[in-house]
Amino acid sequence: MHFLIPSGIPRGQYVVYMGLTKATWIWIHSKAGILIVILIVVHLILHGQWIICTTKKFFRKGKKNTICETNTVTDKV
């Protein structure tokens, strides 16, 4: 990455990479980071029941082959 995207402004020139300025790249990087965090939170919310069920099964003593009672996935076609 160091060789592909130069840092700073060499010799007083205005650096543009792939048609975008450094400020634009910083803006894209910030917005992409926020979007990734939002998508991760939505993903965890949608799979929350599975996470709870798997955690309970992991810490349950003695009962190894138990299945969650609330299976929301149906295979009706």
N, C-alpha and C. Protein backbone atom coordinates (compact mmCIF):
# COMPACT_ATOMS: atom_id res chain seq x y z
N MET A 1 0.82 -1.19 0.00
CA MET A 1 0.00 0.00 0.00
C MET A 1 0.87 1.26 0.00
N HIS A 2 2.01 1.19 0.61
CA HIS A 2 2.85 2.38 0.70
C HIS A 2 3.26 2.85 -0.69
N PHE A 3 3.48 1.93 -1.60
CA PHE A 3 3.92 2.31 -2.93
C PHE A 3 2.75 2.72 -3.83
N LEU A 4 1.54 2.30 -3.51
CA LEU A 4 0.40 2.61 -4.35
C LEU A 4 -0.22 3.97 -4.05
N ILE A 5 -0.31 4.31 -2.78
CA ILE A 5 -0.95 5.57 -2.39
C ILE A 5 0.09 6.44 -1.67
N PRO A 6 0.59 7.46 -2.34
CA PRO A 6 1.60 8.30 -1.70
C PRO A 6 1.00 9.14 -0.58
N SER A 7 1.78 9.39 0.45
CA SER A 7 1.30 10.21 1.56
C SER A 7 1.85 11.63 1.39
N GLY A 8 1.04 12.59 1.75
CA GLY A 8 1.48 13.97 1.67
C GLY A 8 1.47 14.53 0.25
N ILE A 9 2.02 15.71 0.10
CA ILE A 9 2.06 16.38 -1.19
C ILE A 9 3.53 16.54 -1.59
N PRO A 10 4.01 15.76 -2.55
CA PRO A 10 5.42 15.85 -2.93
C PRO A 10 5.69 17.11 -3.77
N ARG A 11 6.72 17.84 -3.42
CA ARG A 11 7.20 19.00 -4.17
C ARG A 11 6.11 20.03 -4.46
N GLY A 12 5.19 20.21 -3.56
CA GLY A 12 4.17 21.23 -3.73
C GLY A 12 3.08 20.90 -4.73
N GLN A 13 3.04 19.67 -5.20
CA GLN A 13 2.01 19.28 -6.16
C GLN A 13 0.76 18.82 -5.43
N TYR A 14 -0.36 18.90 -6.12
CA TYR A 14 -1.64 18.45 -5.57
C TYR A 14 -1.83 17.00 -5.98
N VAL A 15 -1.85 16.07 -5.00
CA VAL A 15 -1.89 14.64 -5.30
C VAL A 15 -3.33 14.19 -5.52
N VAL A 16 -3.55 13.52 -6.64
CA VAL A 16 -4.84 12.93 -6.96
C VAL A 16 -4.58 11.47 -7.31
N TYR A 17 -5.29 10.56 -6.65
CA TYR A 17 -5.13 9.13 -6.92
C TYR A 17 -6.45 8.59 -7.41
N MET A 18 -6.46 7.98 -8.58
CA MET A 18 -7.66 7.44 -9.22
C MET A 18 -8.74 8.52 -9.35
N GLY A 19 -8.32 9.73 -9.58
CA GLY A 19 -9.26 10.83 -9.79
C GLY A 19 -9.85 11.42 -8.52
N LEU A 20 -9.39 10.98 -7.35
CA LEU A 20 -9.94 11.47 -6.08
C LEU A 20 -8.82 12.05 -5.23
N THR A 21 -9.14 13.11 -4.50
CA THR A 21 -8.15 13.74 -3.63
C THR A 21 -8.04 12.98 -2.31
N LYS A 22 -7.03 13.36 -1.53
CA LYS A 22 -6.83 12.71 -0.23
C LYS A 22 -8.02 12.93 0.69
N ALA A 23 -8.60 14.12 0.65
CA ALA A 23 -9.76 14.42 1.49
C ALA A 23 -10.95 13.54 1.11
N THR A 24 -11.12 13.30 -0.17
CA THR A 24 -12.20 12.43 -0.62
C THR A 24 -11.97 11.00 -0.16
N TRP A 25 -10.72 10.54 -0.25
CA TRP A 25 -10.41 9.18 0.22
C TRP A 25 -10.66 9.05 1.72
N ILE A 26 -10.34 10.07 2.48
CA ILE A 26 -10.59 10.05 3.93
C ILE A 26 -12.09 9.99 4.19
N TRP A 27 -12.88 10.76 3.44
CA TRP A 27 -14.34 10.75 3.59
C TRP A 27 -14.90 9.37 3.25
N ILE A 28 -14.44 8.77 2.14
CA ILE A 28 -14.90 7.43 1.75
C ILE A 28 -14.53 6.42 2.83
N HIS A 29 -13.32 6.52 3.36
CA HIS A 29 -12.87 5.59 4.40
C HIS A 29 -13.74 5.71 5.65
N SER A 30 -14.06 6.93 6.05
CA SER A 30 -14.90 7.14 7.24
C SER A 30 -16.31 6.59 7.04
N LYS A 31 -16.92 6.89 5.91
CA LYS A 31 -18.28 6.42 5.64
C LYS A 31 -18.33 4.91 5.49
N ALA A 32 -17.31 4.33 4.87
CA ALA A 32 -17.27 2.87 4.73
C ALA A 32 -17.14 2.20 6.10
N GLY A 33 -16.35 2.80 6.99
CA GLY A 33 -16.21 2.26 8.35
C GLY A 33 -17.52 2.30 9.11
N ILE A 34 -18.25 3.41 8.99
CA ILE A 34 -19.55 3.52 9.65
C ILE A 34 -20.53 2.50 9.09
N LEU A 35 -20.53 2.33 7.77
CA LEU A 35 -21.41 1.36 7.13
C LEU A 35 -21.10 -0.06 7.59
N ILE A 36 -19.84 -0.40 7.70
CA ILE A 36 -19.45 -1.74 8.16
C ILE A 36 -19.94 -1.98 9.59
N VAL A 37 -19.79 -1.00 10.46
CA VAL A 37 -20.25 -1.15 11.85
C VAL A 37 -21.76 -1.34 11.89
N ILE A 38 -22.50 -0.57 11.09
CA ILE A 38 -23.96 -0.72 11.05
C ILE A 38 -24.34 -2.11 10.55
N LEU A 39 -23.67 -2.59 9.51
CA LEU A 39 -23.97 -3.92 8.98
C LEU A 39 -23.66 -5.02 9.99
N ILE A 40 -22.59 -4.87 10.74
CA ILE A 40 -22.25 -5.86 11.77
C ILE A 40 -23.31 -5.88 12.86
N VAL A 41 -23.76 -4.71 13.30
CA VAL A 41 -24.80 -4.64 14.33
C VAL A 41 -26.10 -5.28 13.83
N VAL A 42 -26.51 -4.98 12.60
CA VAL A 42 -27.72 -5.59 12.03
C VAL A 42 -27.55 -7.10 11.94
N HIS A 43 -26.38 -7.55 11.53
CA HIS A 43 -26.11 -8.99 11.42
C HIS A 43 -26.24 -9.66 12.79
N LEU A 44 -25.67 -9.05 13.82
CA LEU A 44 -25.76 -9.62 15.16
C LEU A 44 -27.19 -9.62 15.68
N ILE A 45 -27.96 -8.58 15.36
CA ILE A 45 -29.36 -8.54 15.78
C ILE A 45 -30.15 -9.65 15.10
N LEU A 46 -29.94 -9.82 13.80
CA LEU A 46 -30.68 -10.85 13.05
C LEU A 46 -30.32 -12.26 13.50
N HIS A 47 -29.09 -12.46 13.98
CA HIS A 47 -28.67 -13.79 14.41
C HIS A 47 -28.57 -13.89 15.93
N GLY A 48 -29.23 -12.98 16.63
CA GLY A 48 -29.16 -12.95 18.09
C GLY A 48 -29.68 -14.22 18.75
N GLN A 49 -30.79 -14.76 18.24
CA GLN A 49 -31.36 -15.97 18.83
C GLN A 49 -30.39 -17.15 18.70
N TRP A 50 -29.73 -17.25 17.55
CA TRP A 50 -28.75 -18.33 17.35
C TRP A 50 -27.58 -18.16 18.30
N ILE A 51 -27.12 -16.92 18.49
CA ILE A 51 -26.00 -16.66 19.40
C ILE A 51 -26.37 -17.05 20.82
N ILE A 52 -27.57 -16.69 21.26
CA ILE A 52 -28.03 -17.03 22.61
C ILE A 52 -28.14 -18.53 22.77
N CYS A 53 -28.76 -19.20 21.80
CA CYS A 53 -28.95 -20.64 21.87
C CYS A 53 -27.61 -21.38 21.90
N THR A 54 -26.70 -20.99 21.04
CA THR A 54 -25.39 -21.65 20.98
C THR A 54 -24.60 -21.41 22.26
N THR A 55 -24.69 -20.22 22.82
CA THR A 55 -24.00 -19.93 24.07
C THR A 55 -24.57 -20.77 25.21
N LYS A 56 -25.90 -20.90 25.26
CA LYS A 56 -26.51 -21.73 26.30
C LYS A 56 -26.10 -23.18 26.15
N LYS A 57 -26.08 -23.69 24.91
CA LYS A 57 -25.67 -25.08 24.69
C LYS A 57 -24.21 -25.30 25.06
N PHE A 58 -23.38 -24.30 24.83
CA PHE A 58 -21.96 -24.43 25.12
C PHE A 58 -21.70 -24.52 26.61
N PHE A 59 -22.43 -23.72 27.40
CA PHE A 59 -22.19 -23.69 28.83
C PHE A 59 -23.08 -24.65 29.62
N ARG A 60 -23.98 -25.36 28.96
CA ARG A 60 -24.86 -26.31 29.63
C ARG A 60 -24.05 -27.54 30.01
N LYS A 61 -24.21 -28.00 31.24
CA LYS A 61 -23.45 -29.16 31.72
C LYS A 61 -24.29 -30.42 31.59
N GLY A 62 -23.69 -31.48 31.14
CA GLY A 62 -24.36 -32.78 31.11
C GLY A 62 -25.14 -33.05 29.84
N LYS A 63 -25.94 -32.13 29.39
CA LYS A 63 -26.78 -32.33 28.21
C LYS A 63 -26.01 -31.88 26.97
N LYS A 64 -25.54 -32.85 26.20
CA LYS A 64 -24.71 -32.50 25.05
C LYS A 64 -25.51 -32.37 23.76
N ASN A 65 -26.57 -33.14 23.60
CA ASN A 65 -27.31 -33.16 22.34
C ASN A 65 -28.66 -32.44 22.44
N THR A 66 -28.68 -31.28 23.02
CA THR A 66 -29.93 -30.54 23.12
C THR A 66 -30.07 -29.58 21.95
N ILE A 67 -31.30 -29.38 21.53
CA ILE A 67 -31.59 -28.49 20.41
C ILE A 67 -32.44 -27.34 20.94
N CYS A 68 -32.23 -26.16 20.40
CA CYS A 68 -33.04 -25.01 20.81
C CYS A 68 -34.49 -25.25 20.47
N GLU A 69 -35.36 -24.86 21.38
CA GLU A 69 -36.79 -25.07 21.18
C GLU A 69 -37.37 -24.08 20.18
N THR A 70 -36.81 -22.89 20.09
CA THR A 70 -37.36 -21.85 19.23
C THR A 70 -36.58 -21.77 17.93
N ASN A 71 -36.89 -22.69 17.02
CA ASN A 71 -36.26 -22.68 15.71
C ASN A 71 -37.14 -21.87 14.77
N THR A 72 -36.67 -20.71 14.34
CA THR A 72 -37.49 -19.83 13.52
C THR A 72 -37.33 -20.10 12.03
N VAL A 73 -36.41 -20.95 11.66
CA VAL A 73 -36.18 -21.25 10.24
C VAL A 73 -37.09 -22.39 9.83
N THR A 74 -37.87 -22.19 8.78
CA THR A 74 -38.74 -23.25 8.27
C THR A 74 -38.32 -23.60 6.86
N ASP A 75 -38.51 -24.85 6.50
CA ASP A 75 -38.13 -25.33 5.18
C ASP A 75 -39.34 -25.57 4.30
N LYS A 76 -40.34 -24.73 4.39
CA LYS A 76 -41.53 -24.88 3.57
C LYS A 76 -41.29 -24.25 2.20
N VAL A 77 -41.51 -25.04 1.18
CA VAL A 77 -41.31 -24.52 -0.18
C VAL A 77 -42.59 -24.64 -0.95
